[in-house]
């Protein structure tokens, strides 16, 4: 089975399968996708993370490494969780905002290390790897407001839901002990006293990325 065959079984948000792949990779909850799409599987930390024989101690060293990217940390935490390891530390590593619009799905994924991804409803993408003072400030503020939400809700204990439909906004938090999220009609959630500030900062970050990419 080819890597894109995974997406043929259910409706996905974008016409292009490679865009759907990028979308799925944002959530860092399917290690097989990374295994099938990794050009350096034998290099650290992938050699440990993708191994079927890696132990908890090796995985915990990846998390403790200050040079580890946020997405790799999320994957590592999720692998520990799948092995039955209880995660005591609540570390927020990613914030993903999905908005169902007239012509498709807009998605912003912001990660704790300052990197980001934006997928427009048309399928066009921005890959943000160069962190500057403005993006760092917006990211820091976004995570500060997001922690407020995470500390008041609990992790989702079911499989991740399919993308939100038109008129719905969902904010997902990728946390060391699981996936947290909230969703509602766009006007309702943006006006919510708890989620609204985080969504507003996500919108500011998205606008900034679009300006830098233009």
C-alpha atoms as a PDB file:
ATOM      1  CA  UNK A   1       0.000   0.000   0.000  1.00  0.00           C
ATOM      2  CA  UNK A   2       1.409   3.410  -0.973  1.00  0.00           C
ATOM      3  CA  UNK A   3       1.617   6.260   1.487  1.00  0.00           C
ATOM      4  CA  UNK A   4      -1.228   8.188  -0.142  1.00  0.00           C
ATOM      5  CA  UNK A   5      -3.519   5.140  -0.101  1.00  0.00           C
ATOM      6  CA  UNK A   6      -4.049   5.882   3.584  1.00  0.00           C
ATOM      7  CA  UNK A   7      -6.127   8.907   2.609  1.00  0.00           C
ATOM      8  CA  UNK A   8      -8.384   7.173   0.079  1.00  0.00           C
ATOM      9  CA  UNK A   9     -10.547   5.527   2.712  1.00  0.00           C
ATOM     10  CA  UNK A  10     -12.139   8.705   4.028  1.00  0.00           C
ATOM     11  CA  UNK A  11     -12.899  12.239   2.941  1.00  0.00           C
ATOM     12  CA  UNK A  12      -9.966  14.578   3.454  1.00  0.00           C
ATOM     13  CA  UNK A  13      -9.964  18.390   3.421  1.00  0.00           C
ATOM     14  CA  UNK A  14      -7.839  19.007   0.312  1.00  0.00           C
ATOM     15  CA  UNK A  15      -7.940  17.826  -3.280  1.00  0.00           C
ATOM     16  CA  UNK A  16      -4.199  17.240  -3.427  1.00  0.00           C
ATOM     17  CA  UNK A  17      -3.075  14.124  -1.568  1.00  0.00           C
ATOM     18  CA  UNK A  18       0.333  15.577  -0.722  1.00  0.00           C
ATOM     19  CA  UNK A  19      -1.414  18.488   1.012  1.00  0.00           C
ATOM     20  CA  UNK A  20      -3.540  16.023   2.958  1.00  0.00           C
ATOM     21  CA  UNK A  21      -0.335  14.289   4.014  1.00  0.00           C
ATOM     22  CA  UNK A  22       1.127  17.542   5.344  1.00  0.00           C
ATOM     23  CA  UNK A  23      -2.155  18.180   7.167  1.00  0.00           C
ATOM     24  CA  UNK A  24      -2.068  14.767   8.846  1.00  0.00           C
ATOM     25  CA  UNK A  25       1.591  15.136   9.809  1.00  0.00           C
ATOM     26  CA  UNK A  26       0.789  18.320  11.744  1.00  0.00           C
ATOM     27  CA  UNK A  27      -0.893  16.371  14.535  1.00  0.00           C
ATOM     28  CA  UNK A  28       2.095  14.099  15.201  1.00  0.00           C
ATOM     29  CA  UNK A  29      -0.190  11.223  16.191  1.00  0.00           C
ATOM     30  CA  UNK A  30       0.640   8.711  13.462  1.00  0.00           C
ATOM     31  CA  UNK A  31       4.238   7.538  13.637  1.00  0.00           C
ATOM     32  CA  UNK A  32       3.782   5.342  10.560  1.00  0.00           C
ATOM     33  CA  UNK A  33       3.287   8.444   8.399  1.00  0.00           C
ATOM     34  CA  UNK A  34       6.656   9.744   9.532  1.00  0.00           C
ATOM     35  CA  UNK A  35       8.244   6.338   9.072  1.00  0.00           C
ATOM     36  CA  UNK A  36       6.987   6.105   5.489  1.00  0.00           C
ATOM     37  CA  UNK A  37       7.994   9.673   4.673  1.00  0.00           C
ATOM     38  CA  UNK A  38      11.404   9.911   6.334  1.00  0.00           C
ATOM     39  CA  UNK A  39      14.572  10.359   4.308  1.00  0.00           C
ATOM     40  CA  UNK A  40      16.913   9.792   7.268  1.00  0.00           C
ATOM     41  CA  UNK A  41      15.415   6.916   9.274  1.00  0.00           C
ATOM     42  CA  UNK A  42      18.839   5.799  10.510  1.00  0.00           C
ATOM     43  CA  UNK A  43      19.842   9.176  11.954  1.00  0.00           C
ATOM     44  CA  UNK A  44      19.240  10.376  15.523  1.00  0.00           C
ATOM     45  CA  UNK A  45      16.595  10.707  16.886  1.00  0.00           C
ATOM     46  CA  UNK A  46      14.647   8.840  14.198  1.00  0.00           C
ATOM     47  CA  UNK A  47      16.727   5.699  14.662  1.00  0.00           C
ATOM     48  CA  UNK A  48      15.319   5.462  18.192  1.00  0.00           C
ATOM     49  CA  UNK A  49      11.864   6.893  17.627  1.00  0.00           C
ATOM     50  CA  UNK A  50      11.069   4.694  14.619  1.00  0.00           C
ATOM     51  CA  UNK A  51      12.552   1.541  16.118  1.00  0.00           C
ATOM     52  CA  UNK A  52      10.218  -1.192  17.341  1.00  0.00           C
ATOM     53  CA  UNK A  53      12.706  -2.075  20.070  1.00  0.00           C
ATOM     54  CA  UNK A  54      13.385   1.345  21.615  1.00  0.00           C
ATOM     55  CA  UNK A  55      12.865   1.462  25.377  1.00  0.00           C
ATOM     56  CA  UNK A  56      11.327   4.170  27.544  1.00  0.00           C
ATOM     57  CA  UNK A  57      14.698   5.408  28.769  1.00  0.00           C
ATOM     58  CA  UNK A  58      15.877   6.042  25.209  1.00  0.00           C
ATOM     59  CA  UNK A  59      12.646   7.860  24.377  1.00  0.00           C
ATOM     60  CA  UNK A  60      12.860  10.003  27.498  1.00  0.00           C
ATOM     61  CA  UNK A  61      16.367  11.086  26.473  1.00  0.00           C
ATOM     62  CA  UNK A  62      14.949  12.419  23.193  1.00  0.00           C
ATOM     63  CA  UNK A  63      12.433  14.501  25.144  1.00  0.00           C
ATOM     64  CA  UNK A  64      15.110  15.788  27.529  1.00  0.00           C
ATOM     65  CA  UNK A  65      17.369  16.842  24.643  1.00  0.00           C
ATOM     66  CA  UNK A  66      17.040  20.632  24.347  1.00  0.00           C
ATOM     67  CA  UNK A  67      17.789  20.401  20.616  1.00  0.00           C
ATOM     68  CA  UNK A  68      14.800  18.160  19.890  1.00  0.00           C
ATOM     69  CA  UNK A  69      12.189  19.745  17.614  1.00  0.00           C
ATOM     70  CA  UNK A  70       8.706  20.183  19.050  1.00  0.00           C
ATOM     71  CA  UNK A  71       7.080  17.809  16.574  1.00  0.00           C
ATOM     72  CA  UNK A  72       9.579  15.069  17.394  1.00  0.00           C
ATOM     73  CA  UNK A  73       8.900  15.604  21.092  1.00  0.00           C
ATOM     74  CA  UNK A  74       5.167  15.191  20.495  1.00  0.00           C
ATOM     75  CA  UNK A  75       5.760  11.987  18.536  1.00  0.00           C
ATOM     76  CA  UNK A  76       7.990  10.702  21.338  1.00  0.00           C
ATOM     77  CA  UNK A  77       5.479  11.516  24.060  1.00  0.00           C
ATOM     78  CA  UNK A  78       2.765   9.787  22.033  1.00  0.00           C
ATOM     79  CA  UNK A  79       4.926   6.700  21.642  1.00  0.00           C
ATOM     80  CA  UNK A  80       5.472   6.596  25.400  1.00  0.00           C
ATOM     81  CA  UNK A  81       1.726   6.946  25.945  1.00  0.00           C
ATOM     82  CA  UNK A  82       1.072   4.085  23.521  1.00  0.00           C
ATOM     83  CA  UNK A  83       3.438   1.938  25.594  1.00  0.00           C
ATOM     84  CA  UNK A  84       1.398   2.649  28.716  1.00  0.00           C
ATOM     85  CA  UNK A  85       3.810   5.170  30.205  1.00  0.00           C
ATOM     86  CA  UNK A  86       2.157   7.750  32.446  1.00  0.00           C
ATOM     87  CA  UNK A  87       3.308  11.286  31.646  1.00  0.00           C
ATOM     88  CA  UNK A  88       3.527  13.449  34.753  1.00  0.00           C
ATOM     89  CA  UNK A  89       4.730  16.643  33.066  1.00  0.00           C
ATOM     90  CA  UNK A  90       2.118  18.640  31.154  1.00  0.00           C
ATOM     91  CA  UNK A  91       4.084  20.242  28.316  1.00  0.00           C
ATOM     92  CA  UNK A  92       2.243  22.117  25.569  1.00  0.00           C
ATOM     93  CA  UNK A  93       4.137  21.691  22.306  1.00  0.00           C
ATOM     94  CA  UNK A  94       1.693  22.539  19.530  1.00  0.00           C
ATOM     95  CA  UNK A  95      -1.419  24.620  18.859  1.00  0.00           C
ATOM     96  CA  UNK A  96      -3.469  23.936  15.733  1.00  0.00           C
ATOM     97  CA  UNK A  97      -6.385  26.083  14.598  1.00  0.00           C
ATOM     98  CA  UNK A  98      -8.708  24.771  11.875  1.00  0.00           C
ATOM     99  CA  UNK A  99     -11.443  26.908  10.349  1.00  0.00           C
ATOM    100  CA  UNK A 100     -14.040  25.557   7.942  1.00  0.00           C
ATOM    101  CA  UNK A 101     -14.535  28.236   5.276  1.00  0.00           C
ATOM    102  CA  UNK A 102     -16.638  28.496   2.119  1.00  0.00           C
ATOM    103  CA  UNK A 103     -13.947  27.050  -0.135  1.00  0.00           C
ATOM    104  CA  UNK A 104     -12.300  24.627   2.253  1.00  0.00           C
ATOM    105  CA  UNK A 105     -10.217  24.374   5.394  1.00  0.00           C
ATOM    106  CA  UNK A 106      -7.761  26.974   6.702  1.00  0.00           C
ATOM    107  CA  UNK A 107      -5.192  25.531   9.124  1.00  0.00           C
ATOM    108  CA  UNK A 108      -2.502  27.156  11.236  1.00  0.00           C
ATOM    109  CA  UNK A 109      -0.150  24.943  13.233  1.00  0.00           C
ATOM    110  CA  UNK A 110       2.177  26.700  15.664  1.00  0.00           C
ATOM    111  CA  UNK A 111       4.844  24.759  17.535  1.00  0.00           C
ATOM    112  CA  UNK A 112       6.628  25.603  20.771  1.00  0.00           C
ATOM    113  CA  UNK A 113      10.039  25.831  19.060  1.00  0.00           C
ATOM    114  CA  UNK A 114       8.744  28.737  16.952  1.00  0.00           C
ATOM    115  CA  UNK A 115       8.177  26.858  13.711  1.00  0.00           C
ATOM    116  CA  UNK A 116       4.774  26.960  12.043  1.00  0.00           C
ATOM    117  CA  UNK A 117       2.742  25.655   9.131  1.00  0.00           C
ATOM    118  CA  UNK A 118      -0.157  27.344   7.374  1.00  0.00           C
ATOM    119  CA  UNK A 119      -2.430  25.616   4.867  1.00  0.00           C
ATOM    120  CA  UNK A 120      -4.852  27.880   3.036  1.00  0.00           C
ATOM    121  CA  UNK A 121      -8.316  26.650   2.055  1.00  0.00           C
ATOM    122  CA  UNK A 122      -7.010  26.505  -1.531  1.00  0.00           C
ATOM    123  CA  UNK A 123      -4.282  24.071  -0.476  1.00  0.00           C
ATOM    124  CA  UNK A 124      -1.432  26.569  -0.744  1.00  0.00           C
ATOM    125  CA  UNK A 125       1.067  26.276   2.104  1.00  0.00           C
ATOM    126  CA  UNK A 126       3.546  28.300   4.123  1.00  0.00           C
ATOM    127  CA  UNK A 127       6.360  26.418   5.855  1.00  0.00           C
ATOM    128  CA  UNK A 128       7.788  28.672   8.577  1.00  0.00           C
ATOM    129  CA  UNK A 129      11.212  27.657   9.873  1.00  0.00           C
ATOM    130  CA  UNK A 130      13.007  31.023  10.193  1.00  0.00           C
ATOM    131  CA  UNK A 131      12.082  32.456  13.581  1.00  0.00           C
ATOM    132  CA  UNK A 132      12.235  36.229  14.006  1.00  0.00           C
ATOM    133  CA  UNK A 133      11.425  38.546  16.903  1.00  0.00           C
ATOM    134  CA  UNK A 134       7.848  39.188  15.813  1.00  0.00           C
ATOM    135  CA  UNK A 135       6.949  35.555  15.171  1.00  0.00           C
ATOM    136  CA  UNK A 136       8.610  34.536  18.451  1.00  0.00           C
ATOM    137  CA  UNK A 137       6.634  37.143  20.381  1.00  0.00           C
ATOM    138  CA  UNK A 138       3.348  36.049  18.793  1.00  0.00           C
ATOM    139  CA  UNK A 139       4.160  32.385  19.415  1.00  0.00           C
ATOM    140  CA  UNK A 140       5.043  33.023  23.059  1.00  0.00           C
ATOM    141  CA  UNK A 141       1.793  34.915  23.613  1.00  0.00           C
ATOM    142  CA  UNK A 142      -0.229  32.249  21.800  1.00  0.00           C
ATOM    143  CA  UNK A 143       1.194  29.505  23.998  1.00  0.00           C
ATOM    144  CA  UNK A 144       0.673  31.572  27.136  1.00  0.00           C
ATOM    145  CA  UNK A 145      -3.040  31.978  26.361  1.00  0.00           C
ATOM    146  CA  UNK A 146      -3.295  28.356  25.241  1.00  0.00           C
ATOM    147  CA  UNK A 147      -1.930  27.094  28.550  1.00  0.00           C
ATOM    148  CA  UNK A 148      -4.868  28.849  30.215  1.00  0.00           C
ATOM    149  CA  UNK A 149      -7.249  26.688  28.186  1.00  0.00           C
ATOM    150  CA  UNK A 150      -5.282  23.458  28.616  1.00  0.00           C
ATOM    151  CA  UNK A 151      -5.197  23.872  32.386  1.00  0.00           C
ATOM    152  CA  UNK A 152      -8.999  24.030  32.499  1.00  0.00           C
ATOM    153  CA  UNK A 153      -9.906  21.123  30.215  1.00  0.00           C
ATOM    154  CA  UNK A 154      -8.882  17.482  29.961  1.00  0.00           C
ATOM    155  CA  UNK A 155      -7.341  15.363  27.206  1.00  0.00           C
ATOM    156  CA  UNK A 156      -9.494  13.731  24.533  1.00  0.00           C
ATOM    157  CA  UNK A 157      -9.581   9.963  25.094  1.00  0.00           C
ATOM    158  CA  UNK A 158     -10.916   8.950  21.672  1.00  0.00           C
ATOM    159  CA  UNK A 159      -9.416   8.897  18.153  1.00  0.00           C
ATOM    160  CA  UNK A 160      -8.841  12.336  16.650  1.00  0.00           C
ATOM    161  CA  UNK A 161     -11.944  13.599  14.891  1.00  0.00           C
ATOM    162  CA  UNK A 162     -12.068  14.398  11.183  1.00  0.00           C
ATOM    163  CA  UNK A 163     -11.547  18.004  10.130  1.00  0.00           C
ATOM    164  CA  UNK A 164     -14.221  20.565  11.072  1.00  0.00           C
ATOM    165  CA  UNK A 165     -16.808  21.446   8.458  1.00  0.00           C
ATOM    166  CA  UNK A 166     -17.869  24.821   7.090  1.00  0.00           C
ATOM    167  CA  UNK A 167     -18.659  27.373   9.781  1.00  0.00           C
ATOM    168  CA  UNK A 168     -16.834  25.504  12.545  1.00  0.00           C
ATOM    169  CA  UNK A 169     -13.530  26.411  14.184  1.00  0.00           C
ATOM    170  CA  UNK A 170     -11.487  23.944  16.203  1.00  0.00           C
ATOM    171  CA  UNK A 171      -8.450  24.664  18.344  1.00  0.00           C
ATOM    172  CA  UNK A 172      -6.301  21.646  19.164  1.00  0.00           C
ATOM    173  CA  UNK A 173      -3.551  21.524  21.752  1.00  0.00           C
ATOM    174  CA  UNK A 174      -0.781  18.955  21.380  1.00  0.00           C
ATOM    175  CA  UNK A 175       0.237  18.241  24.961  1.00  0.00           C
ATOM    176  CA  UNK A 176       2.665  15.728  26.428  1.00  0.00           C
ATOM    177  CA  UNK A 177      -0.171  13.754  28.025  1.00  0.00           C
ATOM    178  CA  UNK A 178      -2.490  13.761  25.026  1.00  0.00           C
ATOM    179  CA  UNK A 179      -4.588  15.792  22.618  1.00  0.00           C
ATOM    180  CA  UNK A 180      -6.862  18.534  23.944  1.00  0.00           C
ATOM    181  CA  UNK A 181      -9.349  20.470  21.820  1.00  0.00           C
ATOM    182  CA  UNK A 182     -12.394  22.676  21.691  1.00  0.00           C
ATOM    183  CA  UNK A 183     -14.688  23.497  18.778  1.00  0.00           C
ATOM    184  CA  UNK A 184     -17.786  25.545  18.078  1.00  0.00           C
ATOM    185  CA  UNK A 185     -19.271  27.807  15.405  1.00  0.00           C
ATOM    186  CA  UNK A 186     -16.706  30.424  14.401  1.00  0.00           C
ATOM    187  CA  UNK A 187     -18.365  33.447  16.022  1.00  0.00           C
ATOM    188  CA  UNK A 188     -19.084  31.526  19.211  1.00  0.00           C
ATOM    189  CA  UNK A 189     -15.561  30.250  19.841  1.00  0.00           C
ATOM    190  CA  UNK A 190     -13.826  33.488  18.864  1.00  0.00           C
ATOM    191  CA  UNK A 191     -16.063  35.237  21.422  1.00  0.00           C
ATOM    192  CA  UNK A 192     -15.396  32.656  24.116  1.00  0.00           C
ATOM    193  CA  UNK A 193     -13.586  34.256  27.087  1.00  0.00           C
ATOM    194  CA  UNK A 194     -11.244  31.276  27.421  1.00  0.00           C
ATOM    195  CA  UNK A 195     -10.534  30.261  23.815  1.00  0.00           C
ATOM    196  CA  UNK A 196     -10.999  33.681  22.200  1.00  0.00           C
ATOM    197  CA  UNK A 197      -7.643  35.212  23.236  1.00  0.00           C
ATOM    198  CA  UNK A 198      -5.711  32.200  21.910  1.00  0.00           C
ATOM    199  CA  UNK A 199      -7.653  32.234  18.639  1.00  0.00           C
ATOM    200  CA  UNK A 200      -7.037  35.959  18.237  1.00  0.00           C
ATOM    201  CA  UNK A 201      -3.283  35.471  18.625  1.00  0.00           C
ATOM    202  CA  UNK A 202      -3.345  32.559  16.190  1.00  0.00           C
ATOM    203  CA  UNK A 203      -5.058  34.841  13.671  1.00  0.00           C
ATOM    204  CA  UNK A 204      -2.357  37.472  14.205  1.00  0.00           C
ATOM    205  CA  UNK A 205       0.375  34.893  13.667  1.00  0.00           C
ATOM    206  CA  UNK A 206      -1.326  33.611  10.524  1.00  0.00           C
ATOM    207  CA  UNK A 207      -1.596  37.158   9.161  1.00  0.00           C
ATOM    208  CA  UNK A 208       2.077  37.791   9.870  1.00  0.00           C
ATOM    209  CA  UNK A 209       3.166  34.591   8.117  1.00  0.00           C
ATOM    210  CA  UNK A 210       1.081  35.511   5.085  1.00  0.00           C
ATOM    211  CA  UNK A 211       2.629  38.987   4.977  1.00  0.00           C
ATOM    212  CA  UNK A 212       6.144  37.547   5.161  1.00  0.00           C
ATOM    213  CA  UNK A 213       5.377  35.044   2.419  1.00  0.00           C
ATOM    214  CA  UNK A 214       3.914  37.626   0.027  1.00  0.00           C
END
